[in-house]
Amino acid sequence: MTSIIDLVERRRVYFHVFHRIEMSEWNEAALYCFWIAKLQPFSDVPPPNVKARQSNDVNATIAVRLLCRVANKLRKRNGKGDLEKINISNLIHSFRYRDISKESVMALLEVLIEK
């Protein structure tokens, strides 16, 4: 997990040094989601006699749930209600099987906040 924190911090420095801007909190949250899905730091340890899910299912689920929680928190701060129904299973599938860029996750979170 410390490597994810380090990668997010490096991106923050990149934005500051090369673009002279401070990275927003939702961009930071989006980067955490991206790196959790990409590096898969969590594993699912099932009880005995229960088939284990793939670890990237767990990581994709954590990343998407974090993305939605951050979006709802920022929406409430902006005076909006919670997200309406979104297809979380499609997002989990995309985080697991598709090659999504850091910028795509940032844009997705921004859309969820503004929607």
PDB file of N, CA and C in Angstrom:
ATOM      1  N   MET A   1       0.823  -1.193   0.000  1.00  0.00           N
ATOM      2  CA  MET A   1       0.000   0.000   0.000  1.00  0.00           C
ATOM      3  C   MET A   1       0.868   1.257   0.000  1.00  0.00           C
ATOM      4  N   THR A   2       2.049   1.183   0.604  1.00  0.00           N
ATOM      5  CA  THR A   2       2.917   2.358   0.614  1.00  0.00           C
ATOM      6  C   THR A   2       3.369   2.730  -0.788  1.00  0.00           C
ATOM      7  N   SER A   3       3.483   1.749  -1.675  1.00  0.00           N
ATOM      8  CA  SER A   3       3.875   2.071  -3.049  1.00  0.00           C
ATOM      9  C   SER A   3       2.780   2.874  -3.747  1.00  0.00           C
ATOM     10  N   ILE A   4       1.524   2.614  -3.417  1.00  0.00           N
ATOM     11  CA  ILE A   4       0.424   3.376  -4.010  1.00  0.00           C
ATOM     12  C   ILE A   4       0.471   4.826  -3.520  1.00  0.00           C
ATOM     13  N   ILE A   5       0.701   5.006  -2.244  1.00  0.00           N
ATOM     14  CA  ILE A   5       0.806   6.361  -1.688  1.00  0.00           C
ATOM     15  C   ILE A   5       1.959   7.104  -2.355  1.00  0.00           C
ATOM     16  N   ASP A   6       3.076   6.410  -2.556  1.00  0.00           N
ATOM     17  CA  ASP A   6       4.236   7.009  -3.210  1.00  0.00           C
ATOM     18  C   ASP A   6       3.912   7.396  -4.654  1.00  0.00           C
ATOM     19  N   LEU A   7       3.207   6.549  -5.376  1.00  0.00           N
ATOM     20  CA  LEU A   7       2.860   6.842  -6.774  1.00  0.00           C
ATOM     21  C   LEU A   7       1.922   8.048  -6.866  1.00  0.00           C
ATOM     22  N   VAL A   8       0.976   8.146  -5.961  1.00  0.00           N
ATOM     23  CA  VAL A   8       0.069   9.300  -5.957  1.00  0.00           C
ATOM     24  C   VAL A   8       0.848  10.570  -5.626  1.00  0.00           C
ATOM     25  N   GLU A   9       1.750  10.482  -4.680  1.00  0.00           N
ATOM     26  CA  GLU A   9       2.556  11.646  -4.308  1.00  0.00           C
ATOM     27  C   GLU A   9       3.449  12.096  -5.475  1.00  0.00           C
ATOM     28  N   ARG A  10       3.994  11.151  -6.205  1.00  0.00           N
ATOM     29  CA  ARG A  10       4.813  11.501  -7.377  1.00  0.00           C
ATOM     30  C   ARG A  10       3.993  12.246  -8.421  1.00  0.00           C
ATOM     31  N   ARG A  11       2.741  11.830  -8.597  1.00  0.00           N
ATOM     32  CA  ARG A  11       1.872  12.492  -9.562  1.00  0.00           C
ATOM     33  C   ARG A  11       1.547  13.915  -9.099  1.00  0.00           C
ATOM     34  N   ARG A  12       1.355  14.072  -7.773  1.00  0.00           N
ATOM     35  CA  ARG A  12       1.091  15.397  -7.223  1.00  0.00           C
ATOM     36  C   ARG A  12       2.289  16.316  -7.510  1.00  0.00           C
ATOM     37  N   VAL A  13       3.494  15.824  -7.294  1.00  0.00           N
ATOM     38  CA  VAL A  13       4.707  16.601  -7.562  1.00  0.00           C
ATOM     39  C   VAL A  13       4.806  16.917  -9.051  1.00  0.00           C
ATOM     40  N   TYR A  14       4.488  15.952  -9.906  1.00  0.00           N
ATOM     41  CA  TYR A  14       4.506  16.170 -11.354  1.00  0.00           C
ATOM     42  C   TYR A  14       3.583  17.326 -11.731  1.00  0.00           C
ATOM     43  N   PHE A  15       2.347  17.315 -11.226  1.00  0.00           N
ATOM     44  CA  PHE A  15       1.412  18.393 -11.516  1.00  0.00           C
ATOM     45  C   PHE A  15       1.972  19.733 -11.040  1.00  0.00           C
ATOM     46  N   HIS A  16       2.549  19.743  -9.858  1.00  0.00           N
ATOM     47  CA  HIS A  16       3.064  20.987  -9.283  1.00  0.00           C
ATOM     48  C   HIS A  16       4.268  21.515 -10.067  1.00  0.00           C
ATOM     49  N   VAL A  17       5.213  20.643 -10.373  1.00  0.00           N
ATOM     50  CA  VAL A  17       6.453  21.075 -11.021  1.00  0.00           C
ATOM     51  C   VAL A  17       6.244  21.403 -12.500  1.00  0.00           C
ATOM     52  N   PHE A  18       5.573  20.536 -13.235  1.00  0.00           N
ATOM     53  CA  PHE A  18       5.502  20.699 -14.682  1.00  0.00           C
ATOM     54  C   PHE A  18       4.287  21.498 -15.151  1.00  0.00           C
ATOM     55  N   HIS A  19       3.224  21.532 -14.374  1.00  0.00           N
ATOM     56  CA  HIS A  19       2.027  22.256 -14.797  1.00  0.00           C
ATOM     57  C   HIS A  19       1.709  23.451 -13.907  1.00  0.00           C
ATOM     58  N   ARG A  20       2.442  23.588 -12.790  1.00  0.00           N
ATOM     59  CA  ARG A  20       2.257  24.684 -11.853  1.00  0.00           C
ATOM     60  C   ARG A  20       0.825  24.752 -11.314  1.00  0.00           C
ATOM     61  N   ILE A  21       0.222  23.583 -11.095  1.00  0.00           N
ATOM     62  CA  ILE A  21      -1.114  23.522 -10.501  1.00  0.00           C
ATOM     63  C   ILE A  21      -1.110  22.510  -9.364  1.00  0.00           C
ATOM     64  N   GLU A  22      -2.028  22.718  -8.436  1.00  0.00           N
ATOM     65  CA  GLU A  22      -2.199  21.772  -7.340  1.00  0.00           C
ATOM     66  C   GLU A  22      -3.253  20.747  -7.768  1.00  0.00           C
ATOM     67  N   MET A  23      -2.996  19.502  -7.498  1.00  0.00           N
ATOM     68  CA  MET A  23      -3.920  18.445  -7.865  1.00  0.00           C
ATOM     69  C   MET A  23      -5.120  18.487  -6.921  1.00  0.00           C
ATOM     70  N   SER A  24      -6.318  18.383  -7.475  1.00  0.00           N
ATOM     71  CA  SER A  24      -7.525  18.449  -6.647  1.00  0.00           C
ATOM     72  C   SER A  24      -7.691  17.155  -5.849  1.00  0.00           C
ATOM     73  N   GLU A  25      -8.522  17.231  -4.821  1.00  0.00           N
ATOM     74  CA  GLU A  25      -8.724  16.044  -3.984  1.00  0.00           C
ATOM     75  C   GLU A  25      -9.407  14.925  -4.748  1.00  0.00           C
ATOM     76  N   TRP A  26     -10.283  15.257  -5.724  1.00  0.00           N
ATOM     77  CA  TRP A  26     -10.913  14.168  -6.458  1.00  0.00           C
ATOM     78  C   TRP A  26      -9.946  13.520  -7.433  1.00  0.00           C
ATOM     79  N   ASN A  27      -8.983  14.290  -7.942  1.00  0.00           N
ATOM     80  CA  ASN A  27      -7.957  13.672  -8.784  1.00  0.00           C
ATOM     81  C   ASN A  27      -7.074  12.735  -7.962  1.00  0.00           C
ATOM     82  N   GLU A  28      -6.788  13.139  -6.735  1.00  0.00           N
ATOM     83  CA  GLU A  28      -6.011  12.283  -5.847  1.00  0.00           C
ATOM     84  C   GLU A  28      -6.773  10.988  -5.547  1.00  0.00           C
ATOM     85  N   ALA A  29      -8.061  11.110  -5.247  1.00  0.00           N
ATOM     86  CA  ALA A  29      -8.883   9.925  -4.975  1.00  0.00           C
ATOM     87  C   ALA A  29      -8.958   9.021  -6.207  1.00  0.00           C
ATOM     88  N   ALA A  30      -9.087   9.624  -7.376  1.00  0.00           N
ATOM     89  CA  ALA A  30      -9.141   8.843  -8.617  1.00  0.00           C
ATOM     90  C   ALA A  30      -7.840   8.076  -8.835  1.00  0.00           C
ATOM     91  N   LEU A  31      -6.717   8.694  -8.486  1.00  0.00           N
ATOM     92  CA  LEU A  31      -5.429   8.011  -8.620  1.00  0.00           C
ATOM     93  C   LEU A  31      -5.320   6.825  -7.668  1.00  0.00           C
ATOM     94  N   TYR A  32      -5.839   6.985  -6.439  1.00  0.00           N
ATOM     95  CA  TYR A  32      -5.849   5.842  -5.516  1.00  0.00           C
ATOM     96  C   TYR A  32      -6.672   4.701  -6.107  1.00  0.00           C
ATOM     97  N   CYS A  33      -7.826   5.022  -6.670  1.00  0.00           N
ATOM     98  CA  CYS A  33      -8.664   3.991  -7.301  1.00  0.00           C
ATOM     99  C   CYS A  33      -7.924   3.314  -8.448  1.00  0.00           C
ATOM    100  N   PHE A  34      -7.278   4.122  -9.286  1.00  0.00           N
ATOM    101  CA  PHE A  34      -6.525   3.572 -10.423  1.00  0.00           C
ATOM    102  C   PHE A  34      -5.445   2.599  -9.954  1.00  0.00           C
ATOM    103  N   TRP A  35      -4.641   3.017  -8.980  1.00  0.00           N
ATOM    104  CA  TRP A  35      -3.525   2.187  -8.539  1.00  0.00           C
ATOM    105  C   TRP A  35      -3.985   0.947  -7.772  1.00  0.00           C
ATOM    106  N   ILE A  36      -5.096   1.042  -7.053  1.00  0.00           N
ATOM    107  CA  ILE A  36      -5.631  -0.153  -6.387  1.00  0.00           C
ATOM    108  C   ILE A  36      -6.032  -1.180  -7.435  1.00  0.00           C
ATOM    109  N   ALA A  37      -6.710  -0.733  -8.490  1.00  0.00           N
ATOM    110  CA  ALA A  37      -7.118  -1.655  -9.553  1.00  0.00           C
ATOM    111  C   ALA A  37      -5.905  -2.194 -10.314  1.00  0.00           C
ATOM    112  N   LYS A  38      -4.898  -1.360 -10.506  1.00  0.00           N
ATOM    113  CA  LYS A  38      -3.731  -1.755 -11.299  1.00  0.00           C
ATOM    114  C   LYS A  38      -2.773  -2.664 -10.525  1.00  0.00           C
ATOM    115  N   LEU A  39      -2.425  -2.292  -9.306  1.00  0.00           N
ATOM    116  CA  LEU A  39      -1.417  -3.042  -8.541  1.00  0.00           C
ATOM    117  C   LEU A  39      -1.993  -4.183  -7.710  1.00  0.00           C
ATOM    118  N   GLN A  40      -3.305  -4.156  -7.469  1.00  0.00           N
ATOM    119  CA  GLN A  40      -4.006  -5.220  -6.755  1.00  0.00           C
ATOM    120  C   GLN A  40      -3.340  -5.584  -5.421  1.00  0.00           C
ATOM    121  N   PRO A  41      -3.332  -4.628  -4.480  1.00  0.00           N
ATOM    122  CA  PRO A  41      -2.647  -4.881  -3.213  1.00  0.00           C
ATOM    123  C   PRO A  41      -3.437  -5.743  -2.228  1.00  0.00           C
ATOM    124  N   PHE A  42      -4.733  -5.915  -2.460  1.00  0.00           N
ATOM    125  CA  PHE A  42      -5.564  -6.655  -1.517  1.00  0.00           C
ATOM    126  C   PHE A  42      -5.858  -8.049  -2.033  1.00  0.00           C
ATOM    127  N   SER A  43      -6.040  -8.988  -1.109  1.00  0.00           N
ATOM    128  CA  SER A  43      -6.407 -10.345  -1.517  1.00  0.00           C
ATOM    129  C   SER A  43      -7.591 -10.812  -0.689  1.00  0.00           C
ATOM    130  N   ASP A  44      -8.335 -11.718  -1.260  1.00  0.00           N
ATOM    131  CA  ASP A  44      -9.530 -12.256  -0.624  1.00  0.00           C
ATOM    132  C   ASP A  44      -9.175 -13.618  -0.037  1.00  0.00           C
ATOM    133  N   VAL A  45      -9.236 -13.727   1.270  1.00  0.00           N
ATOM    134  CA  VAL A  45      -8.954 -15.003   1.922  1.00  0.00           C
ATOM    135  C   VAL A  45     -10.290 -15.577   2.375  1.00  0.00           C
ATOM    136  N   PRO A  46     -10.785 -16.578   1.661  1.00  0.00           N
ATOM    137  CA  PRO A  46     -12.109 -17.114   1.988  1.00  0.00           C
ATOM    138  C   PRO A  46     -12.059 -18.082   3.172  1.00  0.00           C
ATOM    139  N   PRO A  47     -13.213 -18.327   3.780  1.00  0.00           N
ATOM    140  CA  PRO A  47     -13.272 -19.359   4.820  1.00  0.00           C
ATOM    141  C   PRO A  47     -12.999 -20.725   4.201  1.00  0.00           C
ATOM    142  N   PRO A  48     -12.659 -21.715   5.011  1.00  0.00           N
ATOM    143  CA  PRO A  48     -12.418 -23.054   4.470  1.00  0.00           C
ATOM    144  C   PRO A  48     -13.636 -23.573   3.701  1.00  0.00           C
ATOM    145  N   ASN A  49     -13.376 -24.345   2.689  1.00  0.00           N
ATOM    146  CA  ASN A  49     -14.408 -24.978   1.849  1.00  0.00           C
ATOM    147  C   ASN A  49     -15.210 -23.992   1.007  1.00  0.00           C
ATOM    148  N   VAL A  50     -14.722 -22.755   0.849  1.00  0.00           N
ATOM    149  CA  VAL A  50     -15.387 -21.788  -0.011  1.00  0.00           C
ATOM    150  C   VAL A  50     -14.399 -21.369  -1.086  1.00  0.00           C
ATOM    151  N   LYS A  51     -14.865 -21.391  -2.333  1.00  0.00           N
ATOM    152  CA  LYS A  51     -13.996 -21.042  -3.452  1.00  0.00           C
ATOM    153  C   LYS A  51     -13.620 -19.555  -3.399  1.00  0.00           C
ATOM    154  N   ALA A  52     -12.349 -19.261  -3.560  1.00  0.00           N
ATOM    155  CA  ALA A  52     -11.857 -17.878  -3.498  1.00  0.00           C
ATOM    156  C   ALA A  52     -12.155 -17.144  -4.794  1.00  0.00           C
ATOM    157  N   ARG A  53     -12.520 -15.869  -4.650  1.00  0.00           N
ATOM    158  CA  ARG A  53     -12.635 -15.030  -5.835  1.00  0.00           C
ATOM    159  C   ARG A  53     -11.236 -14.602  -6.241  1.00  0.00           C
ATOM    160  N   GLN A  54     -11.080 -14.235  -7.473  1.00  0.00           N
ATOM    161  CA  GLN A  54      -9.784 -13.741  -7.936  1.00  0.00           C
ATOM    162  C   GLN A  54      -9.469 -12.440  -7.198  1.00  0.00           C
ATOM    163  N   SER A  55      -8.205 -12.219  -6.872  1.00  0.00           N
ATOM    164  CA  SER A  55      -7.841 -11.025  -6.109  1.00  0.00           C
ATOM    165  C   SER A  55      -8.148  -9.745  -6.873  1.00  0.00           C
ATOM    166  N   ASN A  56      -8.089  -9.792  -8.209  1.00  0.00           N
ATOM    167  CA  ASN A  56      -8.390  -8.577  -8.950  1.00  0.00           C
ATOM    168  C   ASN A  56      -9.879  -8.258  -8.924  1.00  0.00           C
ATOM    169  N   ASP A  57     -10.768  -9.235  -8.635  1.00  0.00           N
ATOM    170  CA  ASP A  57     -12.177  -8.928  -8.377  1.00  0.00           C
ATOM    171  C   ASP A  57     -12.285  -8.073  -7.128  1.00  0.00           C
ATOM    172  N   VAL A  58     -11.585  -8.464  -6.101  1.00  0.00           N
ATOM    173  CA  VAL A  58     -11.619  -7.743  -4.832  1.00  0.00           C
ATOM    174  C   VAL A  58     -11.071  -6.336  -5.028  1.00  0.00           C
ATOM    175  N   ASN A  59      -9.963  -6.209  -5.688  1.00  0.00           N
ATOM    176  CA  ASN A  59      -9.340  -4.906  -5.890  1.00  0.00           C
ATOM    177  C   ASN A  59     -10.181  -4.002  -6.786  1.00  0.00           C
ATOM    178  N   ALA A  60     -10.759  -4.548  -7.842  1.00  0.00           N
ATOM    179  CA  ALA A  60     -11.629  -3.754  -8.714  1.00  0.00           C
ATOM    180  C   ALA A  60     -12.860  -3.288  -7.944  1.00  0.00           C
ATOM    181  N   THR A  61     -13.401  -4.150  -7.103  1.00  0.00           N
ATOM    182  CA  THR A  61     -14.566  -3.787  -6.293  1.00  0.00           C
ATOM    183  C   THR A  61     -14.214  -2.685  -5.303  1.00  0.00           C
ATOM    184  N   ILE A  62     -13.080  -2.809  -4.641  1.00  0.00           N
ATOM    185  CA  ILE A  62     -12.638  -1.771  -3.701  1.00  0.00           C
ATOM    186  C   ILE A  62     -12.442  -0.450  -4.434  1.00  0.00           C
ATOM    187  N   ALA A  63     -11.820  -0.479  -5.596  1.00  0.00           N
ATOM    188  CA  ALA A  63     -11.563   0.742  -6.362  1.00  0.00           C
ATOM    189  C   ALA A  63     -12.871   1.425  -6.774  1.00  0.00           C
ATOM    190  N   VAL A  64     -13.831   0.658  -7.255  1.00  0.00           N
ATOM    191  CA  VAL A  64     -15.102   1.237  -7.701  1.00  0.00           C
ATOM    192  C   VAL A  64     -15.906   1.764  -6.515  1.00  0.00           C
ATOM    193  N   ARG A  65     -15.940   1.005  -5.434  1.00  0.00           N
ATOM    194  CA  ARG A  65     -16.674   1.468  -4.241  1.00  0.00           C
ATOM    195  C   ARG A  65     -16.057   2.763  -3.691  1.00  0.00           C
ATOM    196  N   LEU A  66     -14.732   2.839  -3.672  1.00  0.00           N
ATOM    197  CA  LEU A  66     -14.058   4.054  -3.226  1.00  0.00           C
ATOM    198  C   LEU A  66     -14.415   5.216  -4.150  1.00  0.00           C
ATOM    199  N   LEU A  67     -14.400   4.977  -5.446  1.00  0.00           N
ATOM    200  CA  LEU A  67     -14.745   6.001  -6.431  1.00  0.00           C
ATOM    201  C   LEU A  67     -16.156   6.537  -6.178  1.00  0.00           C
ATOM    202  N   CYS A  68     -17.110   5.652  -5.948  1.00  0.00           N
ATOM    203  CA  CYS A  68     -18.501   6.060  -5.706  1.00  0.00           C
ATOM    204  C   CYS A  68     -18.654   6.797  -4.376  1.00  0.00           C
ATOM    205  N   ARG A  69     -17.951   6.353  -3.356  1.00  0.00           N
ATOM    206  CA  ARG A  69     -18.037   7.032  -2.042  1.00  0.00           C
ATOM    207  C   ARG A  69     -17.475   8.443  -2.126  1.00  0.00           C
ATOM    208  N   VAL A  70     -16.348   8.587  -2.814  1.00  0.00           N
ATOM    209  CA  VAL A  70     -15.757   9.924  -2.965  1.00  0.00           C
ATOM    210  C   VAL A  70     -16.700  10.808  -3.772  1.00  0.00           C
ATOM    211  N   ALA A  71     -17.269  10.266  -4.834  1.00  0.00           N
ATOM    212  CA  ALA A  71     -18.204  11.049  -5.651  1.00  0.00           C
ATOM    213  C   ALA A  71     -19.393  11.509  -4.811  1.00  0.00           C
ATOM    214  N   ASN A  72     -19.968  10.617  -4.013  1.00  0.00           N
ATOM    215  CA  ASN A  72     -21.105  10.994  -3.171  1.00  0.00           C
ATOM    216  C   ASN A  72     -20.718  12.034  -2.130  1.00  0.00           C
ATOM    217  N   LYS A  73     -19.543  11.888  -1.536  1.00  0.00           N
ATOM    218  CA  LYS A  73     -19.095  12.858  -0.536  1.00  0.00           C
ATOM    219  C   LYS A  73     -18.938  14.245  -1.156  1.00  0.00           C
ATOM    220  N   LEU A  74     -18.310  14.301  -2.323  1.00  0.00           N
ATOM    221  CA  LEU A  74     -18.103  15.592  -2.980  1.00  0.00           C
ATOM    222  C   LEU A  74     -19.412  16.169  -3.519  1.00  0.00           C
ATOM    223  N   ARG A  75     -20.328  15.296  -3.940  1.00  0.00           N
ATOM    224  CA  ARG A  75     -21.646  15.762  -4.397  1.00  0.00           C
ATOM    225  C   ARG A  75     -22.406  16.398  -3.234  1.00  0.00           C
ATOM    226  N   LYS A  76     -22.365  15.776  -2.069  1.00  0.00           N
ATOM    227  CA  LYS A  76     -23.051  16.332  -0.896  1.00  0.00           C
ATOM    228  C   LYS A  76     -22.447  17.681  -0.510  1.00  0.00           C
ATOM    229  N   ARG A  77     -21.127  17.775  -0.598  1.00  0.00           N
ATOM    230  CA  ARG A  77     -20.455  19.041  -0.283  1.00  0.00           C
ATOM    231  C   ARG A  77     -20.906  20.145  -1.235  1.00  0.00           C
ATOM    232  N   ASN A  78     -21.218  19.772  -2.480  1.00  0.00           N
ATOM    233  CA  ASN A  78     -21.658  20.743  -3.483  1.00  0.00           C
ATOM    234  C   ASN A  78     -23.177  20.933  -3.483  1.00  0.00           C
ATOM    235  N   GLY A  79     -23.872  20.357  -2.496  1.00  0.00           N
ATOM    236  CA  GLY A  79     -25.317  20.543  -2.387  1.00  0.00           C
ATOM    237  C   GLY A  79     -26.142  19.633  -3.275  1.00  0.00           C
ATOM    238  N   LYS A  80     -25.553  18.584  -3.797  1.00  0.00           N
ATOM    239  CA  LYS A  80     -26.272  17.632  -4.641  1.00  0.00           C
ATOM    240  C   LYS A  80     -26.569  16.377  -3.836  1.00  0.00           C
ATOM    241  N   GLY A  81     -27.496  15.583  -4.331  1.00  0.00           N
ATOM    242  CA  GLY A  81     -27.827  14.328  -3.667  1.00  0.00           C
ATOM    243  C   GLY A  81     -26.862  13.220  -4.058  1.00  0.00           C
ATOM    244  N   ASP A  82     -27.103  12.046  -3.502  1.00  0.00           N
ATOM    245  CA  ASP A  82     -26.277  10.882  -3.853  1.00  0.00           C
ATOM    246  C   ASP A  82     -26.430  10.547  -5.327  1.00  0.00           C
ATOM    247  N   LEU A  83     -25.479   9.795  -5.821  1.00  0.00           N
ATOM    248  CA  LEU A  83     -25.541   9.327  -7.209  1.00  0.00           C
ATOM    249  C   LEU A  83     -26.811   8.525  -7.419  1.00  0.00           C
ATOM    250  N   GLU A  84     -27.407   8.720  -8.572  1.00  0.00           N
ATOM    251  CA  GLU A  84     -28.531   7.864  -8.916  1.00  0.00           C
ATOM    252  C   GLU A  84     -27.968   6.503  -9.287  1.00  0.00           C
ATOM    253  N   LYS A  85     -28.825   5.585  -9.572  1.00  0.00           N
ATOM    254  CA  LYS A  85     -28.370   4.229  -9.862  1.00  0.00           C
ATOM    255  C   LYS A  85     -27.364   4.223 -11.013  1.00  0.00           C
ATOM    256  N   ILE A  86     -26.239   3.601 -10.753  1.00  0.00           N
ATOM    257  CA  ILE A  86     -25.255   3.373 -11.802  1.00  0.00           C
ATOM    258  C   ILE A  86     -24.952   1.884 -11.802  1.00  0.00           C
ATOM    259  N   ASN A  87     -24.499   1.407 -12.906  1.00  0.00           N
ATOM    260  CA  ASN A  87     -24.225  -0.019 -13.020  1.00  0.00           C
ATOM    261  C   ASN A  87     -22.819  -0.307 -12.494  1.00  0.00           C
ATOM    262  N   ILE A  88     -22.741  -0.599 -11.221  1.00  0.00           N
ATOM    263  CA  ILE A  88     -21.451  -0.831 -10.575  1.00  0.00           C
ATOM    264  C   ILE A  88     -20.766  -2.062 -11.153  1.00  0.00           C
ATOM    265  N   SER A  89     -21.539  -3.081 -11.516  1.00  0.00           N
ATOM    266  CA  SER A  89     -20.910  -4.298 -12.045  1.00  0.00           C
ATOM    267  C   SER A  89     -20.174  -4.012 -13.352  1.00  0.00           C
ATOM    268  N   ASN A  90     -20.700  -3.096 -14.174  1.00  0.00           N
ATOM    269  CA  ASN A  90     -19.984  -2.728 -15.405  1.00  0.00           C
ATOM    270  C   ASN A  90     -18.687  -1.993 -15.092  1.00  0.00           C
ATOM    271  N   LEU A  91     -18.730  -1.119 -14.086  1.00  0.00           N
ATOM    272  CA  LEU A  91     -17.505  -0.419 -13.691  1.00  0.00           C
ATOM    273  C   LEU A  91     -16.466  -1.392 -13.138  1.00  0.00           C
ATOM    274  N   ILE A  92     -16.903  -2.326 -12.306  1.00  0.00           N
ATOM    275  CA  ILE A  92     -15.976  -3.324 -11.761  1.00  0.00           C
ATOM    276  C   ILE A  92     -15.359  -4.135 -12.892  1.00  0.00           C
ATOM    277  N   HIS A  93     -16.190  -4.542 -13.853  1.00  0.00           N
ATOM    278  CA  HIS A  93     -15.686  -5.297 -15.009  1.00  0.00           C
ATOM    279  C   HIS A  93     -14.647  -4.472 -15.774  1.00  0.00           C
ATOM    280  N   SER A  94     -14.925  -3.183 -15.964  1.00  0.00           N
ATOM    281  CA  SER A  94     -13.987  -2.322 -16.693  1.00  0.00           C
ATOM    282  C   SER A  94     -12.677  -2.155 -15.929  1.00  0.00           C
ATOM    283  N   PHE A  95     -12.760  -1.961 -14.615  1.00  0.00           N
ATOM    284  CA  PHE A  95     -11.537  -1.820 -13.826  1.00  0.00           C
ATOM    285  C   PHE A  95     -10.731  -3.117 -13.821  1.00  0.00           C
ATOM    286  N   ARG A  96     -11.410  -4.236 -13.954  1.00  0.00           N
ATOM    287  CA  ARG A  96     -10.704  -5.509 -13.914  1.00  0.00           C
ATOM    288  C   ARG A  96     -10.109  -5.889 -15.270  1.00  0.00           C
ATOM    289  N   TYR A  97     -10.870  -5.740 -16.335  1.00  0.00           N
ATOM    290  CA  TYR A  97     -10.455  -6.286 -17.629  1.00  0.00           C
ATOM    291  C   TYR A  97      -9.980  -5.264 -18.657  1.00  0.00           C
ATOM    292  N   ARG A  98     -10.284  -4.020 -18.482  1.00  0.00           N
ATOM    293  CA  ARG A  98      -9.917  -3.020 -19.484  1.00  0.00           C
ATOM    294  C   ARG A  98      -8.700  -2.230 -19.012  1.00  0.00           C
ATOM    295  N   ASP A  99      -7.966  -1.729 -19.960  1.00  0.00           N
ATOM    296  CA  ASP A  99      -6.796  -0.918 -19.653  1.00  0.00           C
ATOM    297  C   ASP A  99      -7.245   0.541 -19.575  1.00  0.00           C
ATOM    298  N   ILE A 100      -7.589   0.970 -18.390  1.00  0.00           N
ATOM    299  CA  ILE A 100      -8.090   2.323 -18.165  1.00  0.00           C
ATOM    300  C   ILE A 100      -6.922   3.187 -17.701  1.00  0.00           C
ATOM    301  N   SER A 101      -6.795   4.357 -18.299  1.00  0.00           N
ATOM    302  CA  SER A 101      -5.689   5.251 -17.936  1.00  0.00           C
ATOM    303  C   SER A 101      -6.019   6.039 -16.664  1.00  0.00           C
ATOM    304  N   LYS A 102      -4.987   6.623 -16.084  1.00  0.00           N
ATOM    305  CA  LYS A 102      -5.166   7.469 -14.899  1.00  0.00           C
ATOM    306  C   LYS A 102      -6.099   8.634 -15.228  1.00  0.00           C
ATOM    307  N   GLU A 103      -5.885   9.226 -16.372  1.00  0.00           N
ATOM    308  CA  GLU A 103      -6.695  10.372 -16.781  1.00  0.00           C
ATOM    309  C   GLU A 103      -8.150   9.981 -16.995  1.00  0.00           C
ATOM    310  N   SER A 104      -8.396   8.764 -17.461  1.00  0.00           N
ATOM    311  CA  SER A 104      -9.769   8.291 -17.647  1.00  0.00           C
ATOM    312  C   SER A 104     -10.493   8.160 -16.324  1.00  0.00           C
ATOM    313  N   VAL A 105      -9.811   7.641 -15.315  1.00  0.00           N
ATOM    314  CA  VAL A 105     -10.429   7.502 -13.996  1.00  0.00           C
ATOM    315  C   VAL A 105     -10.695   8.883 -13.406  1.00  0.00           C
ATOM    316  N   MET A 106      -9.773   9.819 -13.609  1.00  0.00           N
ATOM    317  CA  MET A 106      -9.985  11.184 -13.132  1.00  0.00           C
ATOM    318  C   MET A 106     -11.207  11.800 -13.814  1.00  0.00           C
ATOM    319  N   ALA A 107     -11.318  11.628 -15.118  1.00  0.00           N
ATOM    320  CA  ALA A 107     -12.455  12.177 -15.863  1.00  0.00           C
ATOM    321  C   ALA A 107     -13.761  11.511 -15.433  1.00  0.00           C
ATOM    322  N   LEU A 108     -13.731  10.205 -15.203  1.00  0.00           N
ATOM    323  CA  LEU A 108     -14.922   9.484 -14.759  1.00  0.00           C
ATOM    324  C   LEU A 108     -15.411  10.023 -13.420  1.00  0.00           C
ATOM    325  N   LEU A 109     -14.504  10.226 -12.490  1.00  0.00           N
ATOM    326  CA  LEU A 109     -14.891  10.748 -11.180  1.00  0.00           C
ATOM    327  C   LEU A 109     -15.451  12.157 -11.315  1.00  0.00           C
ATOM    328  N   GLU A 110     -14.849  12.971 -12.137  1.00  0.00           N
ATOM    329  CA  GLU A 110     -15.357  14.332 -12.333  1.00  0.00           C
ATOM    330  C   GLU A 110     -16.777  14.309 -12.893  1.00  0.00           C
ATOM    331  N   VAL A 111     -17.050  13.412 -13.828  1.00  0.00           N
ATOM    332  CA  VAL A 111     -18.390  13.287 -14.391  1.00  0.00           C
ATOM    333  C   VAL A 111     -19.379  12.824 -13.326  1.00  0.00           C
ATOM    334  N   LEU A 112     -18.970  11.861 -12.488  1.00  0.00           N
ATOM    335  CA  LEU A 112     -19.854  11.375 -11.435  1.00  0.00           C
ATOM    336  C   LEU A 112     -20.167  12.485 -10.423  1.00  0.00           C
ATOM    337  N   ILE A 113     -19.216  13.355 -10.171  1.00  0.00           N
ATOM    338  CA  ILE A 113     -19.436  14.460  -9.230  1.00  0.00           C
ATOM    339  C   ILE A 113     -20.393  15.477  -9.839  1.00  0.00           C
ATOM    340  N   GLU A 114     -20.197  15.791 -11.108  1.00  0.00           N
ATOM    341  CA  GLU A 114     -20.983  16.844 -11.751  1.00  0.00           C
ATOM    342  C   GLU A 114     -22.341  16.367 -12.252  1.00  0.00           C
ATOM    343  N   LYS A 115     -22.522  15.092 -12.445  1.00  0.00           N
ATOM    344  CA  LYS A 115     -23.740  14.510 -13.038  1.00  0.00           C
ATOM    345  C   LYS A 115     -24.982  14.890 -12.276  1.00  0.00           C
TER     346      LYS A 115
END
